[in-house]
Amino acid sequence: MKTSLDCIPCFTRQALDAARMVSDSPAVHEEIVRRVMSMAARMDFSQPPPVVGQKIHRIIRVLTGVDDPYRQVKDRFNRFALELYPGMKRRIACSADRFETAVRLAIAGNVIDLGLKSEVSEAEVERAIEEALAAPLPTESIVGLRESIAQADDILYIADNAGEIVFDRLLIEELLPKRVTVAVRGHAVLNDATRADAEAAGLLDMVEVIDTDSDAPGTVLTDCSDEFLERFARADLVLAKGQGNYETLSDADAEVFFLLKAKCEVIAEDIGCEPGSVVVRRNRGRERAASNVTE
């Protein structure tokens, strides 16, 4: 997916938000914003937005000297999601369709995205759960996903954000975890999940966890390690969570199921859905245009 002109204000806001998290100095804030705006003037719009985001957050880390500006926020949402976990687990156990409920809850967790907005409240997360459980989702979307999972012996689950990764655990537990490998970001960027967040979510004792060895807020294949690329290529099924993974993998020549909430108009327009939609989208690589299922 290419970068849109509408992404530029979001990039600038991200930079200022991160700068203010780790520095009280207006001079540092100004320097970061100026550098980001200068970079924006030269950006390659044929690249996906996370490629630009990667460069922005490298600037922030260098100028502030803080390797993980969002660490405290990530820890807070991990703790909050773990508080919600037992209740969500009960909802799955009591539901008429455990699998579909787990899919919907995993997507609900995608609201914990600080790349899109400055703050996400706990009330918004709780509201997102109820909305995801009630949202329209075509039967064929769930059927296609269910059938593909049933046929897969080797599933690669690419996580998105901290906090959200606890919601992912709910779905992973329904997938027979022994056949699942979870991939996280290789280095801190935004509030994206790293190995520390997978550990906080309780995944290290449940599944194999690998990382991309990249600090992009998405899965930029040209920036990922050989280990990840080998794992990506041999997976029977790839499940990719969130907008950053959609932005970087939607044009990949690979079969991927994207699970996300379409939180911005740029993404919604690319997918062909209304903003705020719960999305299960199948990408068949070069044939995807004729076979996508969206909501």
Protein backbone atom coordinates (compact mmCIF):
# COMPACT_ATOMS: atom_id res chain seq x y z
CA MET A 1 0.00 0.00 0.00
CA LYS A 2 1.35 3.42 -0.95
CA THR A 3 1.63 6.40 1.38
CA SER A 4 -1.15 8.96 1.03
CA LEU A 5 -0.88 12.72 1.37
CA ASP A 6 -3.40 12.33 4.18
CA CYS A 7 -0.75 10.40 6.15
CA ILE A 8 1.49 13.45 6.54
CA PRO A 9 -0.42 15.16 9.39
CA CYS A 10 -0.49 11.82 11.20
CA PHE A 11 3.29 11.47 10.88
CA THR A 12 3.83 14.94 12.35
CA ARG A 13 1.42 14.29 15.20
CA GLN A 14 3.12 10.95 15.99
CA ALA A 15 6.50 12.66 16.17
CA LEU A 16 5.29 15.39 18.50
CA ASP A 17 3.44 12.94 20.74
CA ALA A 18 6.51 10.74 21.14
CA ALA A 19 8.76 13.73 21.75
CA ARG A 20 6.49 15.01 24.52
CA MET A 21 6.41 11.58 26.16
CA VAL A 22 10.13 11.61 26.83
CA SER A 23 11.18 15.25 26.90
CA ASP A 24 9.88 18.45 28.48
CA SER A 25 12.09 20.58 26.26
CA PRO A 26 10.26 22.70 23.66
CA ALA A 27 13.55 22.97 21.78
CA VAL A 28 13.72 19.18 21.42
CA HIS A 29 10.07 19.06 20.34
CA GLU A 30 10.72 21.71 17.69
CA GLU A 31 13.86 20.01 16.39
CA ILE A 32 12.07 16.68 16.02
CA VAL A 33 9.10 18.21 14.21
CA ARG A 34 11.35 20.23 11.90
CA ARG A 35 13.35 17.14 10.97
CA VAL A 36 10.21 15.13 10.34
CA MET A 37 8.73 17.87 8.16
CA SER A 38 11.99 18.11 6.22
CA MET A 39 11.95 14.37 5.67
CA ALA A 40 8.30 14.50 4.61
CA ALA A 41 9.21 16.95 1.87
CA ARG A 42 11.49 14.30 0.37
CA MET A 43 9.54 11.11 1.12
CA ASP A 44 8.86 8.43 -1.48
CA PHE A 45 5.09 8.12 -1.65
CA SER A 46 5.37 4.77 -3.43
CA GLN A 47 6.50 3.23 -0.13
CA PRO A 48 4.02 2.08 2.54
CA PRO A 49 3.45 4.39 5.52
CA PRO A 50 5.41 2.23 8.02
CA VAL A 51 8.59 2.82 6.01
CA VAL A 52 8.20 6.53 6.72
CA GLY A 53 7.19 5.82 10.31
CA GLN A 54 10.36 3.80 10.80
CA LYS A 55 12.50 6.79 9.80
CA ILE A 56 10.52 9.17 12.00
CA HIS A 57 10.94 7.09 15.11
CA ARG A 58 14.63 6.59 14.47
CA ILE A 59 14.96 10.40 14.51
CA ILE A 60 13.05 10.56 17.79
CA ARG A 61 15.21 7.91 19.45
CA VAL A 62 18.42 9.60 18.36
CA LEU A 63 17.41 13.12 19.45
CA THR A 64 15.93 12.08 22.80
CA GLY A 65 18.31 9.25 23.66
CA VAL A 66 15.30 7.10 24.68
CA ASP A 67 15.20 3.67 23.04
CA ASP A 68 11.53 2.95 23.78
CA PRO A 69 9.49 6.15 24.30
CA TYR A 70 6.22 4.20 24.59
CA ARG A 71 7.42 1.63 27.16
CA GLN A 72 5.33 2.91 30.07
CA VAL A 73 2.22 3.12 27.89
CA LYS A 74 2.79 -0.39 26.59
CA ASP A 75 3.18 -1.77 30.09
CA ARG A 76 -0.03 -0.04 31.17
CA PHE A 77 -2.06 -1.53 28.34
CA ASN A 78 -0.56 -4.98 28.86
CA ARG A 79 -1.68 -4.84 32.48
CA PHE A 80 -5.14 -3.55 31.56
CA ALA A 81 -5.64 -6.22 28.87
CA LEU A 82 -4.61 -8.93 31.33
CA GLU A 83 -7.25 -7.63 33.73
CA LEU A 84 -9.83 -8.00 30.96
CA TYR A 85 -8.53 -11.42 29.88
CA PRO A 86 -10.50 -13.66 32.32
CA GLY A 87 -13.78 -11.99 31.42
CA MET A 88 -13.09 -12.28 27.70
CA LYS A 89 -12.11 -15.91 28.16
CA ARG A 90 -15.48 -16.57 29.81
CA ARG A 91 -17.29 -14.86 26.93
CA ILE A 92 -15.58 -17.21 24.49
CA ALA A 93 -16.43 -20.26 26.59
CA CYS A 94 -20.12 -19.25 26.78
CA SER A 95 -20.51 -18.24 23.14
CA ALA A 96 -22.30 -20.22 20.46
CA ASP A 97 -19.21 -20.05 18.24
CA ARG A 98 -15.95 -19.97 20.20
CA PHE A 99 -13.81 -19.39 17.12
CA GLU A 100 -15.76 -16.44 15.76
CA THR A 101 -15.93 -14.82 19.19
CA ALA A 102 -12.17 -15.19 19.60
CA VAL A 103 -11.60 -13.63 16.16
CA ARG A 104 -13.84 -10.69 17.01
CA LEU A 105 -12.10 -10.12 20.35
CA ALA A 106 -8.67 -10.28 18.71
CA ILE A 107 -9.80 -7.60 16.28
CA ALA A 108 -11.28 -5.53 19.12
CA GLY A 109 -7.79 -5.29 20.63
CA ASN A 110 -6.60 -3.49 17.51
CA VAL A 111 -8.12 -0.29 18.90
CA ILE A 112 -4.98 -0.01 21.12
CA ASP A 113 -3.09 1.89 18.42
CA LEU A 114 -1.12 5.01 19.33
CA GLY A 115 0.06 5.45 15.77
CA LEU A 116 -3.39 6.69 14.83
CA LYS A 117 -4.26 8.88 17.81
CA SER A 118 -2.45 10.36 20.78
CA GLU A 119 -4.34 8.52 23.50
CA VAL A 120 -6.59 5.50 23.83
CA SER A 121 -8.65 5.29 27.00
CA GLU A 122 -9.57 2.14 28.85
CA ALA A 123 -13.22 3.00 28.22
CA GLU A 124 -12.53 3.04 24.46
CA VAL A 125 -11.04 -0.44 24.69
CA GLU A 126 -14.05 -1.76 26.58
CA ARG A 127 -16.38 -0.12 24.07
CA ALA A 128 -14.39 -1.64 21.19
CA ILE A 129 -14.98 -5.10 22.64
CA GLU A 130 -18.75 -4.66 22.60
CA GLU A 131 -18.69 -3.12 19.12
CA ALA A 132 -16.53 -5.92 17.69
CA LEU A 133 -18.81 -8.60 19.12
CA ALA A 134 -21.85 -6.97 17.54
CA ALA A 135 -20.36 -5.65 14.29
CA PRO A 136 -21.46 -6.99 10.88
CA LEU A 137 -19.03 -9.60 9.60
CA PRO A 138 -19.90 -11.59 6.47
CA THR A 139 -20.31 -15.29 7.10
CA GLU A 140 -17.96 -16.05 4.21
CA SER A 141 -15.18 -14.12 5.94
CA ILE A 142 -15.27 -16.36 8.99
CA VAL A 143 -15.89 -19.51 6.93
CA GLY A 144 -12.88 -18.81 4.71
CA LEU A 145 -10.65 -18.14 7.69
CA ARG A 146 -11.93 -21.19 9.57
CA GLU A 147 -11.35 -23.47 6.57
CA SER A 148 -7.83 -22.16 5.96
CA ILE A 149 -6.91 -22.63 9.61
CA ALA A 150 -8.29 -26.18 9.60
CA GLN A 151 -6.02 -27.06 6.68
CA ALA A 152 -2.88 -25.46 8.13
CA ASP A 153 -0.23 -27.31 10.11
CA ASP A 154 2.07 -24.31 10.36
CA ILE A 155 0.56 -20.90 11.21
CA LEU A 156 2.51 -17.65 11.44
CA TYR A 157 0.66 -15.05 13.54
CA ILE A 158 2.12 -11.55 13.09
CA ALA A 159 1.21 -9.42 16.10
CA ASP A 160 0.67 -5.68 16.11
CA ASN A 161 0.50 -3.72 19.36
CA ALA A 162 1.20 -4.13 23.06
CA GLY A 163 -1.98 -4.73 25.02
CA GLU A 164 -3.58 -5.99 21.82
CA ILE A 165 -1.27 -8.99 22.01
CA VAL A 166 -3.23 -10.20 25.05
CA PHE A 167 -6.37 -10.17 22.89
CA ASP A 168 -4.39 -12.14 20.30
CA ARG A 169 -3.68 -14.77 22.94
CA LEU A 170 -7.42 -15.49 23.12
CA LEU A 171 -7.47 -16.43 19.43
CA ILE A 172 -4.16 -18.27 19.52
CA GLU A 173 -5.52 -20.48 22.29
CA GLU A 174 -8.31 -21.53 19.91
CA LEU A 175 -5.86 -22.41 17.10
CA LEU A 176 -4.01 -25.31 18.75
CA PRO A 177 -0.97 -23.30 19.88
CA LYS A 178 1.57 -26.03 19.03
CA ARG A 179 1.17 -25.22 15.34
CA VAL A 180 1.45 -21.43 15.85
CA THR A 181 4.50 -19.19 15.73
CA VAL A 182 4.01 -15.58 16.86
CA ALA A 183 6.10 -12.83 15.28
CA VAL A 184 6.68 -9.46 16.96
CA ARG A 185 8.71 -6.38 16.04
CA GLY A 186 12.46 -6.74 16.38
CA HIS A 187 12.97 -3.34 18.00
CA ALA A 188 10.85 -0.78 19.82
CA VAL A 189 8.73 1.51 17.65
CA LEU A 190 5.48 3.26 18.59
CA ASN A 191 3.44 1.01 20.88
CA ASP A 192 4.08 -2.04 18.69
CA ALA A 193 4.60 -5.35 20.47
CA THR A 194 8.10 -6.69 20.98
CA ARG A 195 9.28 -9.86 22.71
CA ALA A 196 8.85 -8.19 26.10
CA ASP A 197 5.15 -7.71 25.36
CA ALA A 198 4.76 -11.30 24.18
CA GLU A 199 6.26 -12.37 27.48
CA ALA A 200 3.92 -10.08 29.43
CA ALA A 201 0.96 -11.61 27.57
CA GLY A 202 2.04 -15.11 28.62
CA LEU A 203 2.87 -16.29 25.12
CA LEU A 204 6.46 -17.46 25.62
CA ASP A 205 5.32 -20.60 27.45
CA MET A 206 2.59 -21.27 24.91
CA VAL A 207 4.07 -20.79 21.43
CA GLU A 208 7.33 -20.15 19.65
CA VAL A 209 7.97 -16.40 19.48
CA ILE A 210 10.26 -14.86 16.88
CA ASP A 211 10.84 -11.29 15.77
CA THR A 212 11.27 -9.51 12.46
CA ASP A 213 14.62 -7.93 13.47
CA SER A 214 13.13 -4.69 12.11
CA ASP A 215 12.12 -1.44 13.78
CA ALA A 216 9.38 -0.67 11.25
CA PRO A 217 5.82 -0.33 12.62
CA GLY A 218 4.69 -2.98 10.17
CA THR A 219 6.24 -5.94 8.34
CA VAL A 220 8.57 -4.54 5.68
CA LEU A 221 9.85 -7.77 4.14
CA THR A 222 12.98 -6.16 2.69
CA ASP A 223 13.95 -5.08 6.21
CA CYS A 224 13.26 -8.37 7.99
CA SER A 225 15.76 -11.03 9.06
CA ASP A 226 16.46 -14.16 7.02
CA GLU A 227 14.97 -16.21 9.87
CA PHE A 228 11.69 -14.35 9.68
CA LEU A 229 11.59 -14.46 5.87
CA GLU A 230 12.17 -18.20 5.88
CA ARG A 231 9.41 -18.63 8.44
CA PHE A 232 7.08 -16.36 6.45
CA ALA A 233 7.73 -18.28 3.22
CA ARG A 234 7.10 -21.76 4.64
CA ALA A 235 4.01 -21.02 6.71
CA ASP A 236 0.84 -22.76 5.57
CA LEU A 237 -1.10 -19.73 6.74
CA VAL A 238 -0.16 -16.19 7.75
CA LEU A 239 -2.44 -14.19 10.04
CA ALA A 240 -1.47 -10.51 10.22
CA LYS A 241 -2.97 -8.15 12.79
CA GLY A 242 -3.56 -4.45 12.44
CA GLN A 243 -3.16 -1.58 10.04
CA GLY A 244 0.65 -1.47 9.94
CA ASN A 245 0.83 -5.09 8.83
CA TYR A 246 -1.92 -4.47 6.30
CA GLU A 247 -0.08 -1.44 4.89
CA THR A 248 3.14 -3.39 4.42
CA LEU A 249 1.83 -6.82 3.36
CA SER A 250 -1.30 -6.07 1.33
CA ASP A 251 0.77 -5.97 -1.87
CA ALA A 252 2.92 -8.98 -0.97
CA ASP A 253 2.88 -11.98 -3.28
CA ALA A 254 1.69 -14.23 -0.49
CA GLU A 255 -1.54 -15.53 0.98
CA VAL A 256 -2.33 -13.61 4.15
CA PHE A 257 -5.42 -13.15 6.27
CA PHE A 258 -5.59 -9.63 7.71
CA LEU A 259 -7.50 -9.09 10.95
CA LEU A 260 -7.99 -5.46 11.88
CA LYS A 261 -10.25 -2.57 12.69
CA ALA A 262 -10.22 0.00 9.87
CA LYS A 263 -9.51 3.01 12.04
CA CYS A 264 -8.64 5.63 9.43
CA GLU A 265 -10.22 6.71 6.17
CA VAL A 266 -7.08 5.97 4.13
CA ILE A 267 -7.09 2.31 5.19
CA ALA A 268 -10.88 2.01 4.87
CA GLU A 269 -10.78 3.38 1.33
CA ASP A 270 -7.99 0.99 0.31
CA ILE A 271 -9.90 -1.98 1.73
CA GLY A 272 -13.26 -0.80 0.43
CA CYS A 273 -15.13 -0.59 3.72
CA GLU A 274 -16.53 2.02 6.07
CA PRO A 275 -14.20 3.57 8.67
CA GLY A 276 -14.55 1.70 11.95
CA SER A 277 -15.36 -1.62 10.28
CA VAL A 278 -14.24 -4.95 11.69
CA VAL A 279 -12.21 -6.53 8.90
CA VAL A 280 -11.25 -10.06 7.94
CA ARG A 281 -9.58 -9.77 4.56
CA ARG A 282 -7.95 -12.52 2.55
CA ASN A 283 -5.04 -11.64 0.32
CA ARG A 284 -4.08 -14.26 -2.28
CA GLY A 285 -0.98 -12.50 -3.53
CA ARG A 286 -1.13 -11.61 -7.19
CA GLU A 287 -4.66 -13.05 -7.46
CA ARG A 288 -6.02 -11.15 -4.48
CA ALA A 289 -8.03 -8.59 -6.46
CA ALA A 290 -10.45 -11.29 -7.59
CA SER A 291 -10.76 -13.09 -4.27
CA ASN A 292 -10.71 -10.66 -1.34
CA VAL A 293 -13.42 -10.86 1.31
CA THR A 294 -13.88 -7.60 3.16
CA GLU A 295 -16.07 -5.82 5.60
